[in-house]
Amino acid sequence: MGLFDGTPLDQPVTCEVCAQPLKQCRCPRDGQGKVSLPKDQPVRVQREKRRGKWVTVVFGLDPHATDLPALAKELRATCAAGGTATEDGVEIQGDHRDRILDMLRHRGYPAKAAGG
């Protein structure tokens, strides 16, 4: 359904960010269908020690608006380390907090270091 549906003034519903029809819009959206840009996601990056080894954990990402498996793959390639995408973020093996912070800030996320 669009604005003035069935009349000569029929217009498709458009995205408020990119002005494309919703079917062609590629803007990231959250679970409710609202646009969730990277600048609106408060990302935190912390390092944890698990079983005697460091793990860098990225959390605060919206799992619906962010392609977590693709982000995890890019982070693994950037850090040359293993890792995985979890329900609420990404885990990378090793202490790569500074490198990941730089990469996320470059992509437009307001990333901050968390923890120790």
C-alpha atoms as a PDB file:
ATOM      1  CA  MET A   1       0.000   0.000   0.000  1.00  0.00           C
ATOM      2  CA  GLY A   2       1.240   3.436  -0.823  1.00  0.00           C
ATOM      3  CA  LEU A   3       0.164   6.987  -0.403  1.00  0.00           C
ATOM      4  CA  PHE A   4      -3.097   7.657  -2.288  1.00  0.00           C
ATOM      5  CA  ASP A   5      -3.317   3.983  -3.269  1.00  0.00           C
ATOM      6  CA  GLY A   6      -5.583   3.394  -6.260  1.00  0.00           C
ATOM      7  CA  THR A   7      -5.682   7.030  -7.389  1.00  0.00           C
ATOM      8  CA  PRO A   8      -3.754   8.867 -10.123  1.00  0.00           C
ATOM      9  CA  LEU A   9      -1.578  10.326  -7.338  1.00  0.00           C
ATOM     10  CA  ASP A  10      -0.413   6.857  -6.231  1.00  0.00           C
ATOM     11  CA  GLN A  11       3.125   6.984  -4.762  1.00  0.00           C
ATOM     12  CA  PRO A  12       5.111   4.169  -3.138  1.00  0.00           C
ATOM     13  CA  VAL A  13       6.136   4.481   0.498  1.00  0.00           C
ATOM     14  CA  THR A  14       9.765   5.640   0.630  1.00  0.00           C
ATOM     15  CA  CYS A  15      12.596   5.387   3.137  1.00  0.00           C
ATOM     16  CA  GLU A  16      13.091   8.478   5.283  1.00  0.00           C
ATOM     17  CA  VAL A  17      16.892   8.265   4.929  1.00  0.00           C
ATOM     18  CA  CYS A  18      17.631   7.376   1.300  1.00  0.00           C
ATOM     19  CA  ALA A  19      14.256   8.322  -0.295  1.00  0.00           C
ATOM     20  CA  GLN A  20      14.134   4.992  -2.176  1.00  0.00           C
ATOM     21  CA  PRO A  21      10.962   2.875  -2.263  1.00  0.00           C
ATOM     22  CA  LEU A  22      10.978   0.507   0.719  1.00  0.00           C
ATOM     23  CA  LYS A  23      11.403  -2.562  -1.495  1.00  0.00           C
ATOM     24  CA  GLN A  24      14.608  -1.099  -2.985  1.00  0.00           C
ATOM     25  CA  CYS A  25      15.942   0.446   0.254  1.00  0.00           C
ATOM     26  CA  ARG A  26      19.186  -1.058   1.599  1.00  0.00           C
ATOM     27  CA  CYS A  27      19.342   0.951   4.851  1.00  0.00           C
ATOM     28  CA  PRO A  28      20.004  -1.223   7.944  1.00  0.00           C
ATOM     29  CA  ARG A  29      16.835  -1.726   9.979  1.00  0.00           C
ATOM     30  CA  ASP A  30      16.260  -3.004  13.512  1.00  0.00           C
ATOM     31  CA  GLY A  31      13.688  -5.582  14.626  1.00  0.00           C
ATOM     32  CA  GLN A  32      10.778  -3.104  14.468  1.00  0.00           C
ATOM     33  CA  GLY A  33      11.627  -1.931  10.940  1.00  0.00           C
ATOM     34  CA  LYS A  34      13.122   1.428  11.947  1.00  0.00           C
ATOM     35  CA  VAL A  35      16.361   2.567  10.358  1.00  0.00           C
ATOM     36  CA  SER A  36      19.307   1.827  12.647  1.00  0.00           C
ATOM     37  CA  LEU A  37      22.451   3.473  11.302  1.00  0.00           C
ATOM     38  CA  PRO A  38      25.911   2.618  12.669  1.00  0.00           C
ATOM     39  CA  LYS A  39      26.138   6.021  14.397  1.00  0.00           C
ATOM     40  CA  ASP A  40      23.078   5.101  16.493  1.00  0.00           C
ATOM     41  CA  GLN A  41      24.554   1.863  17.880  1.00  0.00           C
ATOM     42  CA  PRO A  42      26.662   2.322  21.044  1.00  0.00           C
ATOM     43  CA  VAL A  43      29.359  -0.294  20.430  1.00  0.00           C
ATOM     44  CA  ARG A  44      31.730  -1.369  23.216  1.00  0.00           C
ATOM     45  CA  VAL A  45      34.933  -3.345  22.738  1.00  0.00           C
ATOM     46  CA  GLN A  46      36.513  -5.120  25.687  1.00  0.00           C
ATOM     47  CA  ARG A  47      39.084  -7.795  26.254  1.00  0.00           C
ATOM     48  CA  GLU A  48      38.562 -10.745  28.550  1.00  0.00           C
ATOM     49  CA  LYS A  49      40.804 -13.507  29.755  1.00  0.00           C
ATOM     50  CA  ARG A  50      39.276 -16.927  29.190  1.00  0.00           C
ATOM     51  CA  ARG A  51      41.163 -20.083  30.135  1.00  0.00           C
ATOM     52  CA  GLY A  52      44.368 -18.074  30.307  1.00  0.00           C
ATOM     53  CA  LYS A  53      44.055 -16.527  26.831  1.00  0.00           C
ATOM     54  CA  TRP A  54      42.815 -13.106  25.708  1.00  0.00           C
ATOM     55  CA  VAL A  55      39.556 -12.709  23.792  1.00  0.00           C
ATOM     56  CA  THR A  56      38.359  -9.402  22.334  1.00  0.00           C
ATOM     57  CA  VAL A  57      34.582  -9.029  22.637  1.00  0.00           C
ATOM     58  CA  VAL A  58      32.513  -6.540  20.615  1.00  0.00           C
ATOM     59  CA  PHE A  59      29.009  -5.927  21.972  1.00  0.00           C
ATOM     60  CA  GLY A  60      26.234  -3.361  21.661  1.00  0.00           C
ATOM     61  CA  LEU A  61      25.558  -4.121  17.993  1.00  0.00           C
ATOM     62  CA  ASP A  62      21.979  -4.454  16.809  1.00  0.00           C
ATOM     63  CA  PRO A  63      21.760  -8.044  15.477  1.00  0.00           C
ATOM     64  CA  HIS A  64      18.940  -7.157  13.050  1.00  0.00           C
ATOM     65  CA  ALA A  65      20.549  -4.035  11.567  1.00  0.00           C
ATOM     66  CA  THR A  66      24.114  -5.380  11.461  1.00  0.00           C
ATOM     67  CA  ASP A  67      25.258  -8.383   9.476  1.00  0.00           C
ATOM     68  CA  LEU A  68      27.175  -9.979  12.368  1.00  0.00           C
ATOM     69  CA  PRO A  69      28.627 -12.946  10.422  1.00  0.00           C
ATOM     70  CA  ALA A  70      30.012 -10.611   7.732  1.00  0.00           C
ATOM     71  CA  LEU A  71      31.404  -8.227  10.361  1.00  0.00           C
ATOM     72  CA  ALA A  72      33.009 -11.156  12.204  1.00  0.00           C
ATOM     73  CA  LYS A  73      34.597 -12.353   8.959  1.00  0.00           C
ATOM     74  CA  GLU A  74      36.010  -8.897   8.252  1.00  0.00           C
ATOM     75  CA  LEU A  75      37.350  -8.564  11.807  1.00  0.00           C
ATOM     76  CA  ARG A  76      38.962 -12.011  11.626  1.00  0.00           C
ATOM     77  CA  ALA A  77      40.657 -11.070   8.362  1.00  0.00           C
ATOM     78  CA  THR A  78      41.812  -7.696   9.698  1.00  0.00           C
ATOM     79  CA  CYS A  79      43.214  -9.161  12.914  1.00  0.00           C
ATOM     80  CA  ALA A  80      44.497 -12.396  11.308  1.00  0.00           C
ATOM     81  CA  ALA A  81      42.853 -14.344  14.118  1.00  0.00           C
ATOM     82  CA  GLY A  82      39.982 -16.710  14.712  1.00  0.00           C
ATOM     83  CA  GLY A  83      36.638 -15.695  16.085  1.00  0.00           C
ATOM     84  CA  THR A  84      32.885 -16.019  15.865  1.00  0.00           C
ATOM     85  CA  ALA A  85      29.643 -14.080  15.689  1.00  0.00           C
ATOM     86  CA  THR A  86      27.429 -14.526  18.758  1.00  0.00           C
ATOM     87  CA  GLU A  87      23.809 -13.561  19.408  1.00  0.00           C
ATOM     88  CA  ASP A  88      24.719 -10.072  20.586  1.00  0.00           C
ATOM     89  CA  GLY A  89      28.142  -9.366  19.133  1.00  0.00           C
ATOM     90  CA  VAL A  90      31.459 -10.698  17.910  1.00  0.00           C
ATOM     91  CA  GLU A  91      34.330 -12.504  19.660  1.00  0.00           C
ATOM     92  CA  ILE A  92      37.865 -12.423  18.255  1.00  0.00           C
ATOM     93  CA  GLN A  93      40.711 -14.529  19.637  1.00  0.00           C
ATOM     94  CA  GLY A  94      43.580 -12.490  21.057  1.00  0.00           C
ATOM     95  CA  ASP A  95      44.004  -8.917  22.299  1.00  0.00           C
ATOM     96  CA  HIS A  96      43.042  -6.796  19.265  1.00  0.00           C
ATOM     97  CA  ARG A  97      41.023  -4.085  21.007  1.00  0.00           C
ATOM     98  CA  ASP A  98      42.823  -1.067  19.507  1.00  0.00           C
ATOM     99  CA  ARG A  99      42.766  -2.421  15.942  1.00  0.00           C
ATOM    100  CA  ILE A 100      39.059  -3.297  16.185  1.00  0.00           C
ATOM    101  CA  LEU A 101      38.221   0.113  17.688  1.00  0.00           C
ATOM    102  CA  ASP A 102      39.936   1.865  14.777  1.00  0.00           C
ATOM    103  CA  MET A 103      38.136  -0.284  12.222  1.00  0.00           C
ATOM    104  CA  LEU A 104      34.691   0.212  13.784  1.00  0.00           C
ATOM    105  CA  ARG A 105      35.201   3.982  14.073  1.00  0.00           C
ATOM    106  CA  HIS A 106      36.240   4.056  10.424  1.00  0.00           C
ATOM    107  CA  ARG A 107      32.944   2.333   9.530  1.00  0.00           C
ATOM    108  CA  GLY A 108      30.950   4.990  11.432  1.00  0.00           C
ATOM    109  CA  TYR A 109      30.269   3.263  14.761  1.00  0.00           C
ATOM    110  CA  PRO A 110      30.796   5.345  17.941  1.00  0.00           C
ATOM    111  CA  ALA A 111      32.950   2.580  19.433  1.00  0.00           C
ATOM    112  CA  LYS A 112      34.510   2.888  22.866  1.00  0.00           C
ATOM    113  CA  ALA A 113      36.844   0.703  24.871  1.00  0.00           C
ATOM    114  CA  ALA A 114      35.218  -1.031  27.843  1.00  0.00           C
ATOM    115  CA  GLY A 115      36.651  -2.912  30.772  1.00  0.00           C
ATOM    116  CA  GLY A 116      40.319  -3.185  31.596  1.00  0.00           C
END
